[in-house]
Amino acid sequence: MFYEEDFFENFSDWQTDERERFKVLRERMENENPGAFEE
C-alpha cells in the first residue's frame, strides 16, 4: 500500500539531508577553488 503522507515526510527529510550534504560539499570546493562559483 502506498501512503502519501509517509512518502512526503521521508522525502522532505531526504531533501534536507541532501541539501546539507551539498552545502558542505560546495563550501569545501569553494575553499579549494576560490572564485570558482562566483556569479
N, C-alpha and C. Protein backbone atom coordinates (compact mmCIF):
# COMPACT_ATOMS: atom_id res chain seq x y z
N MET A 1 0.85 -1.20 0.00
CA MET A 1 0.00 0.00 0.00
C MET A 1 0.88 1.25 0.00
N PHE A 2 0.45 2.25 -0.69
CA PHE A 2 1.23 3.48 -0.81
C PHE A 2 0.64 4.56 0.08
N TYR A 3 1.44 5.01 1.04
CA TYR A 3 0.98 6.04 1.97
C TYR A 3 1.64 7.36 1.62
N GLU A 4 0.84 8.26 1.08
CA GLU A 4 1.38 9.51 0.56
C GLU A 4 2.03 10.36 1.65
N GLU A 5 1.39 10.42 2.82
CA GLU A 5 1.92 11.27 3.89
C GLU A 5 3.32 10.81 4.29
N ASP A 6 3.47 9.50 4.48
CA ASP A 6 4.78 8.96 4.86
C ASP A 6 5.81 9.27 3.79
N PHE A 7 5.41 9.11 2.54
CA PHE A 7 6.34 9.36 1.44
C PHE A 7 6.83 10.80 1.49
N PHE A 8 5.92 11.75 1.64
CA PHE A 8 6.33 13.16 1.62
C PHE A 8 7.15 13.52 2.85
N GLU A 9 6.83 12.92 4.00
CA GLU A 9 7.64 13.16 5.20
C GLU A 9 9.06 12.66 4.98
N ASN A 10 9.18 11.44 4.50
CA ASN A 10 10.50 10.86 4.26
C ASN A 10 11.23 11.62 3.17
N PHE A 11 10.51 12.04 2.15
CA PHE A 11 11.13 12.75 1.04
C PHE A 11 11.69 14.09 1.51
N SER A 12 10.94 14.80 2.35
CA SER A 12 11.44 16.10 2.83
C SER A 12 12.65 15.89 3.73
N ASP A 13 12.66 14.82 4.53
CA ASP A 13 13.84 14.51 5.33
C ASP A 13 15.03 14.25 4.43
N TRP A 14 14.81 13.46 3.37
CA TRP A 14 15.88 13.14 2.44
C TRP A 14 16.38 14.41 1.76
N GLN A 15 15.48 15.28 1.36
CA GLN A 15 15.87 16.54 0.72
C GLN A 15 16.72 17.38 1.67
N THR A 16 16.35 17.42 2.93
CA THR A 16 17.12 18.20 3.91
C THR A 16 18.52 17.64 4.03
N ASP A 17 18.64 16.30 4.12
CA ASP A 17 19.96 15.68 4.20
C ASP A 17 20.78 16.01 2.96
N GLU A 18 20.16 15.90 1.79
CA GLU A 18 20.88 16.18 0.55
C GLU A 18 21.33 17.63 0.49
N ARG A 19 20.47 18.54 0.95
CA ARG A 19 20.80 19.97 0.91
C ARG A 19 21.99 20.25 1.82
N GLU A 20 21.99 19.65 3.03
CA GLU A 20 23.11 19.84 3.96
C GLU A 20 24.39 19.30 3.34
N ARG A 21 24.30 18.10 2.74
CA ARG A 21 25.48 17.47 2.15
C ARG A 21 26.01 18.33 1.01
N PHE A 22 25.11 18.85 0.19
CA PHE A 22 25.51 19.69 -0.94
C PHE A 22 26.17 20.97 -0.44
N LYS A 23 25.61 21.55 0.63
CA LYS A 23 26.16 22.80 1.18
C LYS A 23 27.60 22.56 1.64
N VAL A 24 27.83 21.44 2.35
CA VAL A 24 29.17 21.12 2.84
C VAL A 24 30.11 20.90 1.67
N LEU A 25 29.65 20.15 0.68
CA LEU A 25 30.48 19.87 -0.49
C LEU A 25 30.83 21.15 -1.23
N ARG A 26 29.85 22.01 -1.39
CA ARG A 26 30.08 23.26 -2.10
C ARG A 26 31.06 24.15 -1.34
N GLU A 27 30.90 24.22 -0.01
CA GLU A 27 31.83 25.01 0.80
C GLU A 27 33.25 24.48 0.65
N ARG A 28 33.41 23.16 0.67
CA ARG A 28 34.73 22.55 0.54
C ARG A 28 35.33 22.89 -0.83
N MET A 29 34.51 22.83 -1.87
CA MET A 29 35.01 23.13 -3.21
C MET A 29 35.38 24.61 -3.33
N GLU A 30 34.59 25.48 -2.69
CA GLU A 30 34.91 26.91 -2.72
C GLU A 30 36.23 27.18 -2.00
N ASN A 31 36.49 26.45 -0.93
CA ASN A 31 37.74 26.62 -0.20
C ASN A 31 38.92 26.16 -1.05
N GLU A 32 38.73 25.10 -1.83
CA GLU A 32 39.81 24.59 -2.67
C GLU A 32 39.99 25.44 -3.91
N ASN A 33 38.90 26.00 -4.43
CA ASN A 33 38.96 26.79 -5.67
C ASN A 33 38.29 28.14 -5.45
N PRO A 34 38.97 29.07 -4.80
CA PRO A 34 38.35 30.38 -4.55
C PRO A 34 37.92 31.05 -5.85
N GLY A 35 36.67 31.54 -5.86
CA GLY A 35 36.19 32.24 -7.04
C GLY A 35 35.58 31.34 -8.09
N ALA A 36 35.61 30.03 -7.88
CA ALA A 36 35.10 29.11 -8.90
C ALA A 36 33.59 29.25 -9.06
N PHE A 37 32.90 29.63 -7.98
CA PHE A 37 31.44 29.70 -8.03
C PHE A 37 30.92 31.13 -8.07
N GLU A 38 31.78 32.06 -8.38
CA GLU A 38 31.33 33.45 -8.47
C GLU A 38 30.36 33.60 -9.63
N GLU A 39 29.28 34.35 -9.38
CA GLU A 39 28.29 34.57 -10.45
C GLU A 39 28.80 35.63 -11.41
